[in-house]
Every structure is written in C-alpha cells, then in structure tokens.
C-alpha cells in the first residue's frame, strides 16, 4: 500500500516537472520574441525649417467709430407732415429728411415780409425827405430802426421754418426710422441715425512701451468676422498725447477705407500695425508644435544607421523650442532648432524619442501665410 502511494506521488512530481518545464520554455520564447520585436515605423508628414524675412507687427484689439455720426433729432416741437427718406438709404448733405407743420409760421412770415417791405418803403421816403431837410435826423433813425426790426422779425420766422424743415447735416447712411407720419415731436426727440461710413475710424489702445515704435502715417491692417478673412488697409492718423494713468495705455486712431460699407461703427476688430523693419526668422508650420504646460516642443527627423544590419532608418528626437509670432499657418521659432532641419508636421501626437518613422508627404496639408478657409 505504501509502495503504491510512493509511486503515485513520484508520478505526480514527474508530471508537474514536465508541465513546469514546458511553461518555462514558453515564457522564454515569449521574452525572446518580445525582445526581438520591432514596431513598424509610424507614418508622418514633414517640413524643412526655413529662414524668412517677416515684417514685424504690433497686434491690438479695437472698435470702429464713424468719422461723423449723429442721431438726427427735432429742434422744435411740431407735428410731422412729411417723411422724405427711406430707412437705410444713402443721403447727401442738405437732403430733406422730415418736414414738420409750418403752416402757422408761413402765414406769420408773409405778414412779417409785408411789414418789412412797408418799413423799407418808409425808410426810402425818409431818406428822400432827410436829404431835402423836411424831416429830422431822429425821425430818419427811427424809420431805419423800424425797417431793421421788421427784417429781423421775418428772419426769425424763416429760422423757425428752417428748424422744422429737418435736413441731413452731412453725407452718410441712414439707420432705422424712429418716427411716423402725423406724430407730434418734441424738441430733442430722435428721428433717425446718420453715419458717415467711408472712411471709418478704428480706435485701439497700445501699451506705453510701444509709443516709440509707432507714428502717424504707419500702415495698419484691420480684420473682422464680417470681412470673411479679408484684410482692410488703413493708416494711423492720430495718437493721443496723454497716457491713461490707470492702465498706462495710449489711445491710437487709424483711418480705414470702407467703400463697400462692410464695417460699421461699434464693431470689434483686430488691428495689426506694420513696423518699418524686417526680421529674419526661422519658420515652421504651426501644426508641428506640440503645446504643453511644461514647454512647447517639436519632433525632429534624423537618419540613423543600424550597426548590425547597415540599414539607414529615420527616427525622431523631441526638441523643446521657444516660439515667436505666428502668421497664417506658420509660426516663428526663436530658439531650439536650426535652419534646414526636418520637423514632423502631422502625426507627432503618437511619437516619442527614438521612434522610427516613414515620411509620406503626399497628403500633407498645404501651409500658407495668408490662408483662405473655404468654410469659416
């Protein structure tokens, strides 16, 4: 009985030993296969670091104001008898906008003009009588004063009629009509907005340290969402002589052409001031940069030769960089890379140091200094 138990135990030990040996051999084979495994190269697109001359700019955020803008309002109380404009129309200086009731003033004017004419005739007779010494100088002076008073009374009524005949003070674009026919207006009641839109002012603020780099007459470019990517050129026309003591910023005014009237007062715009110098910068596509809180970096493609096989392969090296200004699809690099080096433009998110890559630029996106997206 004891002999059978020993034989059974020995058989179990042999079986366990065989199984353990097989597993050890399998594990060693897996380890060897893992050590020999080489991942396939990652497909990427690349670009060469180039040197370009860029005109430096000063960016700013501004708002638009009309060169001339006013809300046309009534100067005197009166009933609206005529509206001579259409909302949103272009009017010229002196065009009739609104006519208030002037029937009373017109009748008063006729009486005043008749009185002025009579006073003129009396003055003429007094002049003749004075020359013949028939009347005194005091009588002539009285008639002369009466004539001037009658003329002034007529002019006063004409001025009242003119104030109730409301005209455009300058050429511009009208806004929404705020009155109706037959409405009784009081002095100061708004009638319509009138804005001169071409050209238009772009007002913005710059830090005081930028004052030495700008001057009247410098070129500026204005962009806005309403322009669908287009840029409008203008010039600096005024720089405020005082600096805001709270923000240490100075107000700058630029005059911008607006022939198509796509820019309107009150709009938010981006302003770029071109400086009269050129800087040589190293340029790469903006898609090459991997942005991170601890620093921005790019992957540089390098060629390495395998000592065992003699095969030349492309690998990547992560390089931290300092960035400068951006323009279009490109960004300037101030340090970290050299001209002529090749950087990864797409596919960098899946890379790390030493990874083999294969370059395929057939589907690389085209980078432009002035991109015009088809869908914005």
Protein backbone atom coordinates (compact mmCIF):
# COMPACT_ATOMS: atom_id res chain seq x y z
CA UNK A 1 0.00 0.00 0.00
CA UNK A 2 2.81 2.38 0.93
CA UNK A 3 4.61 1.44 -2.26
CA UNK A 4 1.58 2.44 -4.39
CA UNK A 5 1.36 5.80 -2.63
CA UNK A 6 5.05 6.49 -3.28
CA UNK A 7 4.72 5.56 -6.95
CA UNK A 8 1.69 7.79 -7.33
CA UNK A 9 3.46 10.74 -5.68
CA UNK A 10 6.52 10.18 -7.88
CA UNK A 11 4.33 10.15 -10.99
CA UNK A 12 2.69 13.44 -9.95
CA UNK A 13 6.10 15.04 -9.38
CA UNK A 14 7.24 13.94 -12.85
CA UNK A 15 4.06 15.31 -14.48
CA UNK A 16 4.35 18.66 -12.63
CA UNK A 17 8.02 18.87 -13.57
CA UNK A 18 7.24 18.26 -17.25
CA UNK A 19 4.46 20.91 -17.22
CA UNK A 20 6.72 23.42 -15.44
CA UNK A 21 9.49 22.82 -17.95
CA UNK A 22 7.11 23.40 -20.86
CA UNK A 23 5.82 26.65 -19.33
CA UNK A 24 9.38 27.88 -18.68
CA UNK A 25 10.27 27.19 -22.31
CA UNK A 26 7.14 29.06 -23.49
CA UNK A 27 7.88 32.07 -21.30
CA UNK A 28 11.47 32.22 -22.53
CA UNK A 29 10.24 32.05 -26.10
CA UNK A 30 7.79 34.93 -25.48
CA UNK A 31 10.52 37.02 -23.84
CA UNK A 32 12.85 36.41 -26.75
CA UNK A 33 10.14 37.27 -29.25
CA UNK A 34 9.31 40.49 -27.35
CA UNK A 35 12.97 41.49 -27.27
CA UNK A 36 13.32 40.85 -30.98
CA UNK A 37 10.05 42.63 -31.90
CA UNK A 38 10.47 45.93 -33.74
CA UNK A 39 7.30 48.04 -34.16
CA UNK A 40 6.57 49.22 -37.69
CA UNK A 41 7.59 52.81 -38.48
CA UNK A 42 4.92 55.47 -37.87
CA UNK A 43 3.72 57.39 -40.96
CA UNK A 44 4.22 61.17 -40.64
CA UNK A 45 4.43 64.29 -42.78
CA UNK A 46 7.37 66.65 -42.53
CA UNK A 47 8.60 70.12 -43.45
CA UNK A 48 12.01 71.73 -43.64
CA UNK A 49 12.84 74.58 -41.26
CA UNK A 50 13.27 77.66 -43.45
CA UNK A 51 14.50 81.18 -42.86
CA UNK A 52 12.30 84.08 -43.97
CA UNK A 53 12.15 87.84 -43.60
CA UNK A 54 8.97 88.90 -41.84
CA UNK A 55 7.77 92.44 -41.29
CA UNK A 56 7.21 92.69 -37.52
CA UNK A 57 3.77 93.78 -36.42
CA UNK A 58 2.09 95.04 -33.27
CA UNK A 59 -1.29 93.38 -32.67
CA UNK A 60 -4.15 95.22 -31.00
CA UNK A 61 -7.87 94.96 -30.43
CA UNK A 62 -10.03 97.91 -31.37
CA UNK A 63 -13.51 99.11 -32.17
CA UNK A 64 -14.91 101.11 -35.05
CA UNK A 65 -16.37 104.58 -34.88
CA UNK A 66 -17.84 106.74 -37.62
CA UNK A 67 -15.89 109.77 -38.78
CA UNK A 68 -19.18 111.60 -38.50
CA UNK A 69 -22.14 110.10 -36.71
CA UNK A 70 -25.22 111.63 -35.15
CA UNK A 71 -28.79 110.83 -34.21
CA UNK A 72 -30.85 113.40 -36.10
CA UNK A 73 -33.44 114.89 -33.74
CA UNK A 74 -36.13 117.56 -33.70
CA UNK A 75 -35.08 121.05 -32.66
CA UNK A 76 -38.60 122.38 -32.07
CA UNK A 77 -41.98 120.98 -31.11
CA UNK A 78 -44.19 120.20 -34.09
CA UNK A 79 -46.33 117.70 -35.97
CA UNK A 80 -44.71 115.52 -38.67
CA UNK A 81 -46.33 116.32 -42.03
CA UNK A 82 -43.79 114.64 -44.31
CA UNK A 83 -41.06 111.96 -44.20
CA UNK A 84 -38.73 112.22 -47.19
CA UNK A 85 -36.31 109.35 -46.57
CA UNK A 86 -36.17 105.56 -46.58
CA UNK A 87 -34.56 103.66 -43.72
CA UNK A 88 -31.05 102.52 -44.61
CA UNK A 89 -30.70 104.83 -47.61
CA UNK A 90 -27.70 106.96 -48.54
CA UNK A 91 -28.33 110.70 -48.33
CA UNK A 92 -26.28 113.76 -49.18
CA UNK A 93 -25.70 116.82 -47.07
CA UNK A 94 -28.75 119.09 -47.28
CA UNK A 95 -31.23 116.40 -48.38
CA UNK A 96 -34.68 116.80 -46.83
CA UNK A 97 -35.44 114.20 -44.17
CA UNK A 98 -38.53 115.34 -42.25
CA UNK A 99 -40.97 118.21 -42.63
CA UNK A 100 -42.85 119.46 -39.58
CA UNK A 101 -46.03 121.51 -39.75
CA UNK A 102 -45.09 125.12 -40.62
CA UNK A 103 -48.48 126.49 -41.78
CA UNK A 104 -48.66 128.97 -38.87
CA UNK A 105 -45.07 130.09 -39.41
CA UNK A 106 -45.62 130.54 -43.15
CA UNK A 107 -48.61 132.84 -42.54
CA UNK A 108 -46.63 134.75 -39.94
CA UNK A 109 -43.77 135.02 -42.44
CA UNK A 110 -46.00 136.57 -45.09
CA UNK A 111 -47.20 139.18 -42.59
CA UNK A 112 -43.64 139.85 -41.43
CA UNK A 113 -42.40 140.17 -45.03
CA UNK A 114 -45.21 142.64 -45.79
CA UNK A 115 -44.30 144.64 -42.71
CA UNK A 116 -40.63 144.57 -43.72
CA UNK A 117 -41.49 145.78 -47.22
CA UNK A 118 -43.58 148.65 -45.80
CA UNK A 119 -40.77 149.57 -43.43
CA UNK A 120 -38.33 149.57 -46.37
CA UNK A 121 -40.56 151.92 -48.37
CA UNK A 122 -40.98 154.21 -45.36
CA UNK A 123 -37.22 154.25 -44.89
CA UNK A 124 -36.73 155.11 -48.56
CA UNK A 125 -39.16 158.06 -48.28
CA UNK A 126 -37.50 159.19 -45.07
CA UNK A 127 -34.15 159.15 -46.88
CA UNK A 128 -35.54 161.44 -49.58
CA UNK A 129 -37.16 163.76 -47.04
CA UNK A 130 -33.98 163.87 -44.96
CA UNK A 131 -31.99 164.98 -47.99
CA UNK A 132 -34.47 167.84 -48.53
CA UNK A 133 -34.35 168.60 -44.80
CA UNK A 134 -38.10 168.05 -44.50
CA UNK A 135 -37.75 165.63 -41.53
CA UNK A 136 -35.33 165.45 -38.66
CA UNK A 137 -32.44 163.05 -38.29
CA UNK A 138 -34.23 161.49 -35.31
CA UNK A 139 -37.23 160.62 -37.46
CA UNK A 140 -34.98 159.02 -40.06
CA UNK A 141 -33.15 157.00 -37.42
CA UNK A 142 -36.49 155.79 -36.06
CA UNK A 143 -37.64 154.69 -39.51
CA UNK A 144 -34.30 152.96 -40.12
CA UNK A 145 -34.56 151.06 -36.84
CA UNK A 146 -38.14 150.08 -37.64
CA UNK A 147 -37.02 148.69 -41.00
CA UNK A 148 -34.21 146.65 -39.43
CA UNK A 149 -36.60 145.33 -36.78
CA UNK A 150 -39.13 144.22 -39.40
CA UNK A 151 -36.41 142.42 -41.39
CA UNK A 152 -35.16 140.69 -38.21
CA UNK A 153 -38.71 139.55 -37.40
CA UNK A 154 -39.04 137.99 -40.85
CA UNK A 155 -35.62 136.31 -40.49
CA UNK A 156 -36.64 134.90 -37.11
CA UNK A 157 -39.70 133.25 -38.65
CA UNK A 158 -37.56 131.91 -41.54
CA UNK A 159 -35.19 130.35 -38.98
CA UNK A 160 -38.13 128.66 -37.24
CA UNK A 161 -39.31 127.24 -40.59
CA UNK A 162 -35.77 126.05 -41.35
CA UNK A 163 -35.54 124.26 -38.00
CA UNK A 164 -38.82 122.50 -38.70
CA UNK A 165 -37.54 121.52 -42.15
CA UNK A 166 -35.06 118.89 -41.00
CA UNK A 167 -32.22 118.13 -43.44
CA UNK A 168 -29.19 115.83 -43.44
CA UNK A 169 -26.24 117.66 -41.84
CA UNK A 170 -23.70 115.61 -43.85
CA UNK A 171 -23.48 112.80 -46.40
CA UNK A 172 -23.96 109.36 -44.87
CA UNK A 173 -26.03 106.22 -44.41
CA UNK A 174 -29.34 106.44 -42.55
CA UNK A 175 -30.42 103.94 -39.93
CA UNK A 176 -33.87 102.78 -38.82
CA UNK A 177 -36.68 105.33 -38.89
CA UNK A 178 -37.85 106.20 -35.36
CA UNK A 179 -40.87 108.37 -36.18
CA UNK A 180 -44.18 108.09 -38.01
CA UNK A 181 -46.23 110.41 -40.17
CA UNK A 182 -48.57 112.57 -38.07
CA UNK A 183 -46.53 112.09 -34.91
CA UNK A 184 -46.05 115.11 -32.66
CA UNK A 185 -42.38 115.60 -31.96
CA UNK A 186 -40.93 117.44 -29.02
CA UNK A 187 -37.59 119.20 -29.08
CA UNK A 188 -34.86 116.56 -28.75
CA UNK A 189 -36.93 113.58 -29.94
CA UNK A 190 -34.81 111.16 -32.04
CA UNK A 191 -35.68 110.79 -35.72
CA UNK A 192 -33.02 108.58 -37.35
CA UNK A 193 -29.34 107.69 -37.02
CA UNK A 194 -26.99 109.10 -39.65
CA UNK A 195 -23.46 107.70 -40.02
CA UNK A 196 -20.68 108.53 -42.46
CA UNK A 197 -19.12 105.09 -43.12
CA UNK A 198 -16.42 105.68 -45.74
CA UNK A 199 -13.79 106.04 -44.44
CA UNK A 200 -14.20 104.85 -40.86
CA UNK A 201 -12.12 105.15 -37.69
CA UNK A 202 -10.54 102.17 -35.92
CA UNK A 203 -9.76 103.13 -32.31
CA UNK A 204 -7.48 100.92 -30.21
CA UNK A 205 -5.10 101.05 -27.23
CA UNK A 206 -1.40 100.18 -27.03
CA UNK A 207 0.91 99.83 -24.01
CA UNK A 208 3.06 102.87 -23.35
CA UNK A 209 6.26 100.97 -24.23
CA UNK A 210 5.05 100.72 -27.84
CA UNK A 211 4.91 104.50 -28.30
CA UNK A 212 8.47 104.63 -29.64
CA UNK A 213 7.64 102.15 -32.41
CA UNK A 214 4.59 103.86 -33.91
CA UNK A 215 3.98 107.16 -35.67
CA UNK A 216 1.25 108.87 -37.66
CA UNK A 217 1.12 107.60 -41.23
CA UNK A 218 2.12 104.00 -40.46
CA UNK A 219 0.21 101.27 -42.29
CA UNK A 220 -2.30 99.14 -40.38
CA UNK A 221 -4.41 96.15 -41.35
CA UNK A 222 -7.88 95.56 -39.95
CA UNK A 223 -9.65 92.19 -39.89
CA UNK A 224 -13.12 91.30 -38.69
CA UNK A 225 -15.52 88.38 -38.81
CA UNK A 226 -17.70 90.40 -41.17
CA UNK A 227 -14.84 90.53 -43.69
CA UNK A 228 -14.67 86.72 -44.02
CA UNK A 229 -10.90 86.59 -43.76
CA UNK A 230 -10.17 89.64 -45.91
CA UNK A 231 -7.96 92.44 -44.64
CA UNK A 232 -8.60 96.17 -44.98
CA UNK A 233 -5.69 98.60 -45.09
CA UNK A 234 -5.51 101.95 -43.35
CA UNK A 235 -3.14 104.41 -41.74
CA UNK A 236 -2.59 105.78 -38.26
CA UNK A 237 -3.99 109.30 -38.27
CA UNK A 238 -3.81 110.30 -34.60
CA UNK A 239 -2.04 109.29 -31.39
CA UNK A 240 -3.42 110.60 -28.12
CA UNK A 241 -0.94 112.93 -26.37
CA UNK A 242 -1.86 111.59 -22.93
CA UNK A 243 -1.43 108.11 -21.42
CA UNK A 244 -4.15 106.58 -19.25
CA UNK A 245 -2.79 106.76 -15.71
CA UNK A 246 -4.75 103.65 -14.65
CA UNK A 247 -3.80 101.27 -17.47
CA UNK A 248 -0.67 103.00 -18.86
CA UNK A 249 -2.16 102.60 -22.32
CA UNK A 250 -2.33 105.19 -25.07
CA UNK A 251 -5.25 105.59 -27.47
CA UNK A 252 -4.48 105.38 -31.19
CA UNK A 253 -6.77 106.21 -34.09
CA UNK A 254 -6.46 104.76 -37.60
CA UNK A 255 -8.47 105.72 -40.67
CA UNK A 256 -9.59 102.75 -42.75
CA UNK A 257 -11.18 102.65 -46.20
CA UNK A 258 -14.72 101.25 -46.19
CA UNK A 259 -16.05 101.70 -49.71
CA UNK A 260 -18.27 98.61 -49.55
CA UNK A 261 -19.55 99.61 -46.08
CA UNK A 262 -18.94 96.18 -44.57
CA UNK A 263 -17.53 97.79 -41.45
CA UNK A 264 -19.94 99.51 -39.08
CA UNK A 265 -19.50 101.72 -36.00
CA UNK A 266 -19.32 99.74 -32.78
CA UNK A 267 -17.88 96.59 -34.38
CA UNK A 268 -15.00 94.69 -32.75
CA UNK A 269 -11.90 94.39 -34.99
CA UNK A 270 -8.35 93.05 -34.86
CA UNK A 271 -5.70 95.62 -35.78
CA UNK A 272 -2.16 94.86 -36.91
CA UNK A 273 0.41 97.67 -37.16
CA UNK A 274 3.23 97.04 -39.62
CA UNK A 275 6.65 98.27 -38.43
CA UNK A 276 9.12 99.74 -40.96
CA UNK A 277 11.71 96.97 -40.44
CA UNK A 278 12.18 93.31 -41.39
CA UNK A 279 13.24 90.48 -39.08
CA UNK A 280 14.89 87.24 -40.19
CA UNK A 281 13.06 84.36 -38.51
CA UNK A 282 13.04 80.54 -38.61
CA UNK A 283 9.62 79.38 -39.74
CA UNK A 284 7.79 76.07 -39.32
CA UNK A 285 4.14 75.08 -39.84
CA UNK A 286 2.07 75.68 -36.72
CA UNK A 287 0.90 72.04 -36.82
CA UNK A 288 4.44 70.96 -35.95
CA UNK A 289 4.25 72.33 -32.42
CA UNK A 290 3.12 70.17 -29.52
CA UNK A 291 1.84 72.58 -26.90
CA UNK A 292 2.19 71.56 -23.25
CA UNK A 293 2.20 73.32 -19.86
CA UNK A 294 5.84 72.40 -19.24
CA UNK A 295 7.03 73.66 -22.63
CA UNK A 296 6.36 73.57 -26.35
CA UNK A 297 8.23 71.03 -28.45
CA UNK A 298 8.66 69.61 -31.94
CA UNK A 299 9.89 66.27 -33.27
CA UNK A 300 12.99 66.49 -35.47
CA UNK A 301 13.52 63.72 -38.04
CA UNK A 302 17.04 62.25 -38.08
CA UNK A 303 18.64 59.47 -40.14
CA UNK A 304 20.41 56.70 -38.24
CA UNK A 305 22.36 53.67 -39.48
CA UNK A 306 21.82 50.30 -37.84
CA UNK A 307 25.24 48.90 -36.81
CA UNK A 308 24.03 45.31 -37.15
CA UNK A 309 22.17 45.41 -40.46
CA UNK A 310 23.74 48.53 -42.00
CA UNK A 311 20.26 49.77 -42.87
CA UNK A 312 19.56 53.52 -42.66
CA UNK A 313 16.31 54.42 -40.92
CA UNK A 314 14.54 57.62 -39.95
CA UNK A 315 13.91 58.26 -36.25
CA UNK A 316 12.61 61.25 -34.33
CA UNK A 317 14.02 63.33 -31.50
CA UNK A 318 11.84 65.54 -29.33
CA UNK A 319 13.18 69.09 -29.09
CA UNK A 320 11.82 71.87 -26.88
CA UNK A 321 11.53 75.25 -28.59
CA UNK A 322 10.68 78.89 -27.90
CA UNK A 323 8.08 80.37 -30.18
CA UNK A 324 7.75 83.87 -31.59
CA UNK A 325 4.96 85.47 -33.55
CA UNK A 326 2.60 83.47 -35.73
CA UNK A 327 1.39 84.40 -39.18
CA UNK A 328 -1.15 82.45 -41.16
CA UNK A 329 -0.36 78.73 -40.93
CA UNK A 330 3.22 79.36 -39.78
CA UNK A 331 4.92 80.18 -36.50
CA UNK A 332 8.36 81.67 -35.89
CA UNK A 333 10.83 79.82 -33.63
CA UNK A 334 13.32 81.91 -31.68
CA UNK A 335 15.41 79.04 -30.27
CA UNK A 336 15.67 75.25 -30.23
CA UNK A 337 16.02 74.38 -33.92
CA UNK A 338 18.28 75.19 -36.85
CA UNK A 339 17.63 76.09 -40.45
CA UNK A 340 17.49 73.03 -42.70
CA UNK A 341 16.34 70.59 -40.02
CA UNK A 342 13.28 68.49 -40.80
CA UNK A 343 10.35 68.61 -38.39
CA UNK A 344 7.24 66.46 -38.16
CA UNK A 345 4.14 68.44 -39.19
CA UNK A 346 1.40 65.85 -38.60
CA UNK A 347 1.34 62.64 -36.57
CA UNK A 348 3.51 63.96 -33.75
CA UNK A 349 0.98 63.11 -31.03
CA UNK A 350 1.82 59.39 -31.34
CA UNK A 351 5.62 59.76 -31.27
CA UNK A 352 8.32 59.66 -28.61
CA UNK A 353 12.12 59.77 -28.67
CA UNK A 354 13.74 57.16 -30.93
CA UNK A 355 10.58 56.04 -32.74
CA UNK A 356 11.13 55.02 -36.34
CA UNK A 357 9.05 56.93 -38.88
CA UNK A 358 8.23 56.77 -42.53
CA UNK A 359 7.69 60.06 -44.36
CA UNK A 360 4.69 60.40 -46.65
CA UNK A 361 4.11 63.99 -47.74
CA UNK A 362 1.61 63.21 -50.49
CA UNK A 363 -1.30 64.07 -48.19
CA UNK A 364 0.46 66.83 -46.26
CA UNK A 365 -1.77 69.91 -45.72
CA UNK A 366 -0.53 73.00 -47.55
CA UNK A 367 0.58 75.74 -45.15
CA UNK A 368 0.08 79.34 -46.30
CA UNK A 369 0.95 82.75 -44.92
CA UNK A 370 -2.48 84.06 -45.89
CA UNK A 371 -4.87 81.11 -45.70
CA UNK A 372 -8.38 81.50 -47.03
CA UNK A 373 -10.54 78.79 -45.47
CA UNK A 374 -13.49 77.72 -47.57
CA UNK A 375 -15.69 77.16 -44.52
CA UNK A 376 -15.41 79.79 -41.80
